All heavy atoms as atom14 arrays in JSON, in Angstrom:
{
  "sequence": "RFTISRDNAKNTLYLQMITLKPEDTAVYYCNLRFVPPQPND",
  "atom14_mask": [
    [1, 1, 1, 1, 1, 1, 1, 1, 1, 1, 1, 0, 0, 0],
    [1, 1, 1, 1, 1, 1, 1, 1, 1, 1, 1, 0, 0, 0],
    [1, 1, 1, 1, 1, 1, 1, 0, 0, 0, 0, 0, 0, 0],
    [1, 1, 1, 1, 1, 1, 1, 1, 0, 0, 0, 0, 0, 0],
    [1, 1, 1, 1, 1, 1, 0, 0, 0, 0, 0, 0, 0, 0],
    [1, 1, 1, 1, 1, 1, 1, 1, 1, 1, 1, 0, 0, 0],
    [1, 1, 1, 1, 1, 1, 1, 1, 0, 0, 0, 0, 0, 0],
    [1, 1, 1, 1, 1, 1, 1, 1, 0, 0, 0, 0, 0, 0],
    [1, 1, 1, 1, 1, 0, 0, 0, 0, 0, 0, 0, 0, 0],
    [1, 1, 1, 1, 1, 1, 1, 1, 1, 0, 0, 0, 0, 0],
    [1, 1, 1, 1, 1, 1, 1, 1, 0, 0, 0, 0, 0, 0],
    [1, 1, 1, 1, 1, 1, 1, 0, 0, 0, 0, 0, 0, 0],
    [1, 1, 1, 1, 1, 1, 1, 1, 0, 0, 0, 0, 0, 0],
    [1, 1, 1, 1, 1, 1, 1, 1, 1, 1, 1, 1, 0, 0],
    [1, 1, 1, 1, 1, 1, 1, 1, 0, 0, 0, 0, 0, 0],
    [1, 1, 1, 1, 1, 1, 1, 1, 1, 0, 0, 0, 0, 0],
    [1, 1, 1, 1, 1, 1, 1, 1, 0, 0, 0, 0, 0, 0],
    [1, 1, 1, 1, 1, 1, 1, 1, 0, 0, 0, 0, 0, 0],
    [1, 1, 1, 1, 1, 1, 1, 0, 0, 0, 0, 0, 0, 0],
    [1, 1, 1, 1, 1, 1, 1, 1, 0, 0, 0, 0, 0, 0],
    [1, 1, 1, 1, 1, 1, 1, 1, 1, 0, 0, 0, 0, 0],
    [1, 1, 1, 1, 1, 1, 1, 0, 0, 0, 0, 0, 0, 0],
    [1, 1, 1, 1, 1, 1, 1, 1, 1, 0, 0, 0, 0, 0],
    [1, 1, 1, 1, 1, 1, 1, 1, 0, 0, 0, 0, 0, 0],
    [1, 1, 1, 1, 1, 1, 1, 0, 0, 0, 0, 0, 0, 0],
    [1, 1, 1, 1, 1, 0, 0, 0, 0, 0, 0, 0, 0, 0],
    [1, 1, 1, 1, 1, 1, 1, 0, 0, 0, 0, 0, 0, 0],
    [1, 1, 1, 1, 1, 1, 1, 1, 1, 1, 1, 1, 0, 0],
    [1, 1, 1, 1, 1, 1, 1, 1, 1, 1, 1, 1, 0, 0],
    [1, 1, 1, 1, 1, 1, 0, 0, 0, 0, 0, 0, 0, 0],
    [1, 1, 1, 1, 1, 1, 1, 1, 0, 0, 0, 0, 0, 0],
    [1, 1, 1, 1, 1, 1, 1, 1, 0, 0, 0, 0, 0, 0],
    [1, 1, 1, 1, 1, 1, 1, 1, 1, 1, 1, 0, 0, 0],
    [1, 1, 1, 1, 1, 1, 1, 1, 1, 1, 1, 0, 0, 0],
    [1, 1, 1, 1, 1, 1, 1, 0, 0, 0, 0, 0, 0, 0],
    [1, 1, 1, 1, 1, 1, 1, 0, 0, 0, 0, 0, 0, 0],
    [1, 1, 1, 1, 1, 1, 1, 0, 0, 0, 0, 0, 0, 0],
    [1, 1, 1, 1, 1, 1, 1, 1, 1, 0, 0, 0, 0, 0],
    [1, 1, 1, 1, 1, 1, 1, 0, 0, 0, 0, 0, 0, 0],
    [1, 1, 1, 1, 1, 1, 1, 1, 0, 0, 0, 0, 0, 0],
    [1, 1, 1, 1, 1, 1, 1, 1, 0, 0, 0, 0, 0, 0]
  ],
  "atom14_positions": [
    [[31.72, 101.79, 283.38], [32.39, 103.09, 283.61], [33.38, 102.86, 284.75], [34.55, 103.47, 284.7], [31.49, 104.3, 283.99], [30.47, 104.58, 282.92], [29.8, 105.88, 283.31], [29.01, 105.8, 284.44], [29.15, 106.47, 285.54], [30.13, 107.59, 285.61], [28.38, 106.37, 286.61], [0.0, 0.0, 0.0], [0.0, 0.0, 0.0], [0.0, 0.0, 0.0]],
    [[33.18, 102.08, 285.72], [33.93, 101.83, 286.86], [34.54, 100.48, 286.77], [33.88, 99.45, 286.39], [33.3, 101.94, 288.18], [32.75, 103.28, 288.52], [32.84, 104.37, 287.61], [32.33, 103.56, 289.79], [32.43, 105.65, 287.99], [31.91, 104.89, 290.16], [31.92, 105.93, 289.21], [0.0, 0.0, 0.0], [0.0, 0.0, 0.0], [0.0, 0.0, 0.0]],
    [[35.8, 100.29, 287.2], [36.44, 98.93, 287.33], [37.13, 98.75, 288.71], [37.87, 99.5, 289.09], [37.48, 98.73, 286.28], [36.95, 98.98, 284.94], [38.24, 97.42, 286.36], [0.0, 0.0, 0.0], [0.0, 0.0, 0.0], [0.0, 0.0, 0.0], [0.0, 0.0, 0.0], [0.0, 0.0, 0.0], [0.0, 0.0, 0.0], [0.0, 0.0, 0.0]],
    [[36.7, 97.71, 289.39], [37.29, 97.37, 290.7], [38.37, 96.29, 290.57], [38.22, 95.35, 289.71], [36.11, 96.98, 291.76], [36.71, 96.83, 293.12], [35.53, 95.59, 291.24], [35.59, 96.67, 294.17], [0.0, 0.0, 0.0], [0.0, 0.0, 0.0], [0.0, 0.0, 0.0], [0.0, 0.0, 0.0], [0.0, 0.0, 0.0], [0.0, 0.0, 0.0]],
    [[39.34, 96.51, 291.28], [40.49, 95.5, 291.34], [41.08, 95.49, 292.74], [40.95, 96.41, 293.48], [41.47, 95.83, 290.2], [42.1, 97.09, 290.42], [0.0, 0.0, 0.0], [0.0, 0.0, 0.0], [0.0, 0.0, 0.0], [0.0, 0.0, 0.0], [0.0, 0.0, 0.0], [0.0, 0.0, 0.0], [0.0, 0.0, 0.0], [0.0, 0.0, 0.0]],
    [[41.99, 94.44, 292.87], [42.77, 94.28, 294.11], [44.01, 93.73, 293.84], [44.21, 92.99, 292.93], [41.86, 93.52, 295.14], [41.59, 92.16, 294.77], [40.71, 91.41, 295.7], [41.25, 91.26, 297.08], [40.54, 90.94, 298.1], [39.19, 90.77, 298.0], [41.09, 90.75, 299.28], [0.0, 0.0, 0.0], [0.0, 0.0, 0.0], [0.0, 0.0, 0.0]],
    [[44.95, 94.2, 294.59], [46.33, 93.57, 294.64], [46.61, 92.93, 295.96], [46.78, 93.56, 296.96], [47.37, 94.7, 294.39], [48.74, 94.21, 294.2], [49.15, 93.1, 294.74], [49.64, 95.03, 293.56], [0.0, 0.0, 0.0], [0.0, 0.0, 0.0], [0.0, 0.0, 0.0], [0.0, 0.0, 0.0], [0.0, 0.0, 0.0], [0.0, 0.0, 0.0]],
    [[46.44, 91.63, 295.97], [46.48, 90.9, 297.25], [47.83, 90.95, 297.86], [47.98, 90.95, 299.09], [46.04, 89.44, 296.99], [44.66, 89.3, 296.7], [43.73, 90.13, 297.13], [44.25, 88.27, 296.0], [0.0, 0.0, 0.0], [0.0, 0.0, 0.0], [0.0, 0.0, 0.0], [0.0, 0.0, 0.0], [0.0, 0.0, 0.0], [0.0, 0.0, 0.0]],
    [[48.93, 91.11, 296.96], [50.3, 91.19, 297.55], [50.46, 92.51, 298.37], [51.29, 92.58, 299.29], [51.32, 91.11, 296.42], [0.0, 0.0, 0.0], [0.0, 0.0, 0.0], [0.0, 0.0, 0.0], [0.0, 0.0, 0.0], [0.0, 0.0, 0.0], [0.0, 0.0, 0.0], [0.0, 0.0, 0.0], [0.0, 0.0, 0.0], [0.0, 0.0, 0.0]],
    [[49.78, 93.6, 297.81], [50.02, 94.79, 298.52], [48.73, 95.14, 299.53], [48.79, 96.21, 300.05], [49.97, 95.92, 297.45], [51.25, 95.87, 296.64], [51.29, 97.01, 295.65], [52.55, 97.1, 294.78], [52.57, 98.23, 293.78], [0.0, 0.0, 0.0], [0.0, 0.0, 0.0], [0.0, 0.0, 0.0], [0.0, 0.0, 0.0], [0.0, 0.0, 0.0]],
    [[47.86, 94.16, 299.53], [46.68, 94.41, 300.37], [45.97, 95.73, 300.1], [45.63, 96.55, 301.02], [46.98, 94.34, 301.95], [47.36, 93.0, 302.29], [46.83, 92.05, 301.81], [48.42, 92.96, 303.25], [0.0, 0.0, 0.0], [0.0, 0.0, 0.0], [0.0, 0.0, 0.0], [0.0, 0.0, 0.0], [0.0, 0.0, 0.0], [0.0, 0.0, 0.0]],
    [[45.76, 96.0, 298.77], [45.34, 97.29, 298.31], [44.13, 97.04, 297.31], [44.24, 96.13, 296.47], [46.43, 98.07, 297.64], [47.46, 98.36, 298.52], [45.75, 99.43, 297.19], [0.0, 0.0, 0.0], [0.0, 0.0, 0.0], [0.0, 0.0, 0.0], [0.0, 0.0, 0.0], [0.0, 0.0, 0.0], [0.0, 0.0, 0.0], [0.0, 0.0, 0.0]],
    [[43.08, 97.83, 297.52], [41.86, 97.72, 296.69], [41.87, 99.09, 295.84], [42.22, 100.16, 296.31], [40.57, 97.8, 297.6], [39.29, 97.8, 296.87], [39.02, 96.43, 296.17], [38.24, 98.08, 297.89], [0.0, 0.0, 0.0], [0.0, 0.0, 0.0], [0.0, 0.0, 0.0], [0.0, 0.0, 0.0], [0.0, 0.0, 0.0], [0.0, 0.0, 0.0]],
    [[41.37, 98.87, 294.58], [41.3, 100.07, 293.66], [39.96, 100.22, 293.05], [39.14, 99.27, 292.93], [42.36, 99.91, 292.54], [43.8, 99.81, 293.01], [44.31, 98.49, 293.08], [44.53, 100.93, 293.26], [45.65, 98.36, 293.56], [45.89, 100.67, 293.76], [46.4, 99.52, 293.76], [47.73, 99.36, 294.21], [0.0, 0.0, 0.0], [0.0, 0.0, 0.0]],
    [[39.63, 101.46, 292.69], [38.45, 101.73, 291.93], [38.81, 102.63, 290.86], [39.08, 104.0, 291.07], [37.29, 102.24, 292.73], [35.99, 102.5, 291.99], [35.37, 101.16, 291.61], [34.91, 103.19, 292.85], [0.0, 0.0, 0.0], [0.0, 0.0, 0.0], [0.0, 0.0, 0.0], [0.0, 0.0, 0.0], [0.0, 0.0, 0.0], [0.0, 0.0, 0.0]],
    [[38.94, 102.29, 289.56], [39.16, 103.12, 288.5], [37.84, 103.62, 287.9], [37.02, 102.78, 287.49], [39.93, 102.32, 287.43], [40.22, 103.2, 286.18], [41.17, 104.31, 286.31], [42.39, 104.05, 286.9], [40.84, 105.54, 286.1], [0.0, 0.0, 0.0], [0.0, 0.0, 0.0], [0.0, 0.0, 0.0], [0.0, 0.0, 0.0], [0.0, 0.0, 0.0]],
    [[37.63, 104.88, 287.83], [36.39, 105.55, 287.46], [36.75, 106.43, 286.29], [37.55, 107.26, 286.25], [35.87, 106.52, 288.68], [35.59, 105.69, 290.0], [34.9, 106.68, 291.17], [36.27, 107.93, 291.45], [0.0, 0.0, 0.0], [0.0, 0.0, 0.0], [0.0, 0.0, 0.0], [0.0, 0.0, 0.0], [0.0, 0.0, 0.0], [0.0, 0.0, 0.0]],
    [[35.9, 106.21, 285.2], [36.0, 106.96, 284.0], [34.59, 107.48, 283.7], [33.65, 107.05, 284.07], [36.61, 106.13, 282.78], [35.62, 105.04, 282.47], [37.86, 105.65, 283.07], [36.01, 104.27, 281.17], [0.0, 0.0, 0.0], [0.0, 0.0, 0.0], [0.0, 0.0, 0.0], [0.0, 0.0, 0.0], [0.0, 0.0, 0.0], [0.0, 0.0, 0.0]],
    [[34.61, 108.49, 282.76], [33.38, 109.1, 282.29], [32.46, 109.48, 283.38], [31.28, 109.21, 283.59], [32.55, 108.2, 281.32], [33.5, 107.57, 280.42], [31.56, 108.99, 280.5], [0.0, 0.0, 0.0], [0.0, 0.0, 0.0], [0.0, 0.0, 0.0], [0.0, 0.0, 0.0], [0.0, 0.0, 0.0], [0.0, 0.0, 0.0], [0.0, 0.0, 0.0]],
    [[33.11, 110.1, 284.39], [32.44, 110.56, 285.66], [31.27, 111.62, 285.39], [31.41, 112.43, 284.48], [33.39, 111.16, 286.54], [34.29, 110.15, 287.4], [35.51, 110.79, 287.91], [33.41, 109.37, 288.34], [0.0, 0.0, 0.0], [0.0, 0.0, 0.0], [0.0, 0.0, 0.0], [0.0, 0.0, 0.0], [0.0, 0.0, 0.0], [0.0, 0.0, 0.0]],
    [[30.2, 111.41, 286.16], [29.04, 112.31, 286.07], [28.76, 112.92, 287.3], [29.17, 112.53, 288.37], [27.81, 111.31, 285.65], [27.92, 110.46, 284.49], [26.69, 109.62, 284.31], [26.85, 108.7, 283.13], [25.64, 107.85, 283.05], [0.0, 0.0, 0.0], [0.0, 0.0, 0.0], [0.0, 0.0, 0.0], [0.0, 0.0, 0.0], [0.0, 0.0, 0.0]],
    [[28.08, 114.17, 287.17], [27.83, 114.83, 288.61], [27.06, 113.9, 289.55], [27.21, 114.03, 290.72], [26.8, 115.96, 288.05], [27.34, 116.17, 286.65], [27.7, 114.82, 286.09], [0.0, 0.0, 0.0], [0.0, 0.0, 0.0], [0.0, 0.0, 0.0], [0.0, 0.0, 0.0], [0.0, 0.0, 0.0], [0.0, 0.0, 0.0], [0.0, 0.0, 0.0]],
    [[26.28, 113.02, 289.15], [25.62, 112.02, 289.95], [26.55, 111.08, 290.69], [26.03, 110.47, 291.71], [24.51, 111.19, 289.21], [23.61, 111.93, 288.4], [24.12, 112.27, 286.95], [23.85, 111.33, 286.02], [24.73, 113.33, 286.68], [0.0, 0.0, 0.0], [0.0, 0.0, 0.0], [0.0, 0.0, 0.0], [0.0, 0.0, 0.0], [0.0, 0.0, 0.0]],
    [[27.76, 111.03, 290.4], [28.73, 110.28, 291.02], [29.24, 110.92, 292.29], [30.12, 110.34, 293.05], [29.95, 109.89, 290.06], [29.45, 108.99, 288.98], [28.74, 108.02, 289.17], [29.98, 109.25, 287.82], [0.0, 0.0, 0.0], [0.0, 0.0, 0.0], [0.0, 0.0, 0.0], [0.0, 0.0, 0.0], [0.0, 0.0, 0.0], [0.0, 0.0, 0.0]],
    [[28.99, 112.27, 292.35], [29.54, 112.95, 293.59], [28.98, 112.41, 294.87], [27.77, 112.21, 295.14], [29.03, 114.4, 293.51], [29.58, 115.11, 292.28], [29.41, 115.21, 294.73], [0.0, 0.0, 0.0], [0.0, 0.0, 0.0], [0.0, 0.0, 0.0], [0.0, 0.0, 0.0], [0.0, 0.0, 0.0], [0.0, 0.0, 0.0], [0.0, 0.0, 0.0]],
    [[30.02, 111.99, 295.65], [29.64, 111.38, 296.98], [30.92, 111.12, 297.83], [32.02, 111.35, 297.25], [29.01, 110.03, 296.76], [0.0, 0.0, 0.0], [0.0, 0.0, 0.0], [0.0, 0.0, 0.0], [0.0, 0.0, 0.0], [0.0, 0.0, 0.0], [0.0, 0.0, 0.0], [0.0, 0.0, 0.0], [0.0, 0.0, 0.0], [0.0, 0.0, 0.0]],
    [[30.77, 110.74, 298.97], [31.97, 110.3, 299.82], [32.05, 108.73, 299.51], [31.09, 108.07, 299.76], [31.79, 110.6, 301.38], [32.93, 109.95, 302.11], [31.65, 112.0, 301.61], [0.0, 0.0, 0.0], [0.0, 0.0, 0.0], [0.0, 0.0, 0.0], [0.0, 0.0, 0.0], [0.0, 0.0, 0.0], [0.0, 0.0, 0.0], [0.0, 0.0, 0.0]],
    [[33.14, 108.36, 299.19], [33.41, 106.96, 298.74], [34.18, 106.19, 299.93], [35.12, 106.74, 300.37], [34.22, 106.79, 297.51], [33.46, 107.07, 296.29], [32.9, 108.38, 296.02], [33.0, 106.09, 295.39], [32.14, 108.73, 294.86], [32.3, 106.32, 294.27], [31.77, 107.61, 294.06], [31.04, 107.88, 292.92], [0.0, 0.0, 0.0], [0.0, 0.0, 0.0]],
    [[33.61, 105.07, 300.36], [34.14, 104.39, 301.5], [34.61, 102.96, 300.98], [33.91, 102.31, 300.3], [33.08, 104.23, 302.59], [32.49, 105.44, 303.22], [31.48, 106.14, 302.68], [33.18, 105.99, 304.34], [31.03, 107.38, 303.19], [32.75, 107.14, 304.88], [31.67, 107.77, 304.48], [31.17, 108.97, 304.95], [0.0, 0.0, 0.0], [0.0, 0.0, 0.0]],
    [[35.64, 102.63, 301.59], [36.23, 101.24, 301.39], [35.68, 100.32, 302.48], [35.49, 100.7, 303.72], [37.78, 101.25, 301.5], [38.58, 99.65, 301.37], [0.0, 0.0, 0.0], [0.0, 0.0, 0.0], [0.0, 0.0, 0.0], [0.0, 0.0, 0.0], [0.0, 0.0, 0.0], [0.0, 0.0, 0.0], [0.0, 0.0, 0.0], [0.0, 0.0, 0.0]],
    [[35.25, 99.02, 302.19], [34.68, 98.2, 303.0], [35.36, 96.81, 302.94], [35.62, 96.32, 301.87], [33.17, 98.07, 302.8], [32.45, 96.93, 303.59], [32.38, 95.89, 303.04], [31.99, 97.18, 304.78], [0.0, 0.0, 0.0], [0.0, 0.0, 0.0], [0.0, 0.0, 0.0], [0.0, 0.0, 0.0], [0.0, 0.0, 0.0], [0.0, 0.0, 0.0]],
    [[35.46, 96.05, 304.06], [35.95, 94.69, 304.12], [35.04, 93.93, 304.92], [34.76, 94.34, 306.16], [37.33, 94.69, 304.58], [38.04, 93.27, 304.57], [39.59, 93.38, 304.21], [37.91, 92.62, 305.83], [0.0, 0.0, 0.0], [0.0, 0.0, 0.0], [0.0, 0.0, 0.0], [0.0, 0.0, 0.0], [0.0, 0.0, 0.0], [0.0, 0.0, 0.0]],
    [[34.58, 92.74, 304.42], [33.96, 91.83, 305.4], [34.53, 90.37, 305.22], [34.97, 90.14, 304.06], [32.43, 91.78, 305.07], [31.96, 91.23, 303.74], [30.51, 91.16, 303.6], [30.15, 90.66, 302.28], [30.04, 89.4, 301.95], [30.23, 88.49, 302.87], [29.57, 89.06, 300.69], [0.0, 0.0, 0.0], [0.0, 0.0, 0.0], [0.0, 0.0, 0.0]],
    [[34.57, 89.72, 306.31], [35.1, 88.29, 306.14], [34.03, 87.28, 305.78], [32.81, 87.52, 305.88], [35.64, 87.85, 307.53], [36.84, 88.62, 307.87], [36.87, 89.54, 308.98], [38.14, 88.52, 307.19], [38.07, 90.25, 309.23], [39.14, 89.34, 307.6], [39.15, 90.15, 308.62], [0.0, 0.0, 0.0], [0.0, 0.0, 0.0], [0.0, 0.0, 0.0]],
    [[34.5, 86.15, 305.2], [33.61, 85.03, 304.89], [34.06, 83.86, 305.64], [35.18, 83.28, 305.35], [33.65, 84.87, 303.32], [32.77, 83.66, 302.97], [33.26, 85.96, 302.56], [0.0, 0.0, 0.0], [0.0, 0.0, 0.0], [0.0, 0.0, 0.0], [0.0, 0.0, 0.0], [0.0, 0.0, 0.0], [0.0, 0.0, 0.0], [0.0, 0.0, 0.0]],
    [[33.21, 83.27, 306.52], [31.93, 83.78, 306.87], [31.97, 85.1, 307.67], [33.03, 85.43, 308.22], [31.42, 82.62, 307.78], [32.58, 82.03, 308.36], [33.62, 82.09, 307.36], [0.0, 0.0, 0.0], [0.0, 0.0, 0.0], [0.0, 0.0, 0.0], [0.0, 0.0, 0.0], [0.0, 0.0, 0.0], [0.0, 0.0, 0.0], [0.0, 0.0, 0.0]],
    [[31.0, 85.87, 307.56], [30.97, 87.22, 308.12], [31.06, 87.33, 309.61], [30.47, 86.37, 310.32], [29.54, 87.91, 307.63], [28.74, 86.74, 307.44], [29.59, 85.64, 306.96], [0.0, 0.0, 0.0], [0.0, 0.0, 0.0], [0.0, 0.0, 0.0], [0.0, 0.0, 0.0], [0.0, 0.0, 0.0], [0.0, 0.0, 0.0], [0.0, 0.0, 0.0]],
    [[31.77, 88.2, 310.15], [31.83, 88.63, 311.52], [30.75, 89.7, 311.84], [30.08, 90.16, 310.87], [33.18, 89.16, 311.9], [34.31, 88.26, 311.78], [35.72, 88.81, 312.16], [35.82, 89.98, 312.31], [36.67, 87.88, 312.29], [0.0, 0.0, 0.0], [0.0, 0.0, 0.0], [0.0, 0.0, 0.0], [0.0, 0.0, 0.0], [0.0, 0.0, 0.0]],
    [[30.42, 89.87, 313.09], [29.26, 90.77, 313.39], [29.38, 92.11, 312.74], [28.34, 92.73, 312.39], [29.34, 90.87, 314.95], [29.95, 89.48, 315.39], [30.9, 89.22, 314.3], [0.0, 0.0, 0.0], [0.0, 0.0, 0.0], [0.0, 0.0, 0.0], [0.0, 0.0, 0.0], [0.0, 0.0, 0.0], [0.0, 0.0, 0.0], [0.0, 0.0, 0.0]],
    [[30.57, 92.76, 312.66], [30.8, 94.02, 312.16], [31.69, 93.99, 311.04], [32.78, 93.3, 311.04], [31.3, 94.96, 313.19], [30.32, 95.22, 314.38], [29.15, 95.35, 314.12], [30.76, 95.15, 315.6], [0.0, 0.0, 0.0], [0.0, 0.0, 0.0], [0.0, 0.0, 0.0], [0.0, 0.0, 0.0], [0.0, 0.0, 0.0], [0.0, 0.0, 0.0]],
    [[31.45, 94.78, 309.87], [32.4, 95.0, 308.78], [33.36, 96.07, 309.25], [33.21, 96.77, 310.22], [31.64, 95.49, 307.71], [30.68, 94.43, 306.99], [30.68, 93.31, 307.45], [29.97, 94.78, 306.03], [0.0, 0.0, 0.0], [0.0, 0.0, 0.0], [0.0, 0.0, 0.0], [0.0, 0.0, 0.0], [0.0, 0.0, 0.0], [0.0, 0.0, 0.0]]
  ]
}
């Protein structure tokens, strides 16, 4: 139902959500972590 994608040229992350359900209700947060990871995301 969901598709994640990114545009590296624009430094933008996307989440396309279809067929949404009431159970999908939430606050959605974007996250970034480095590889190798730093102490904090």
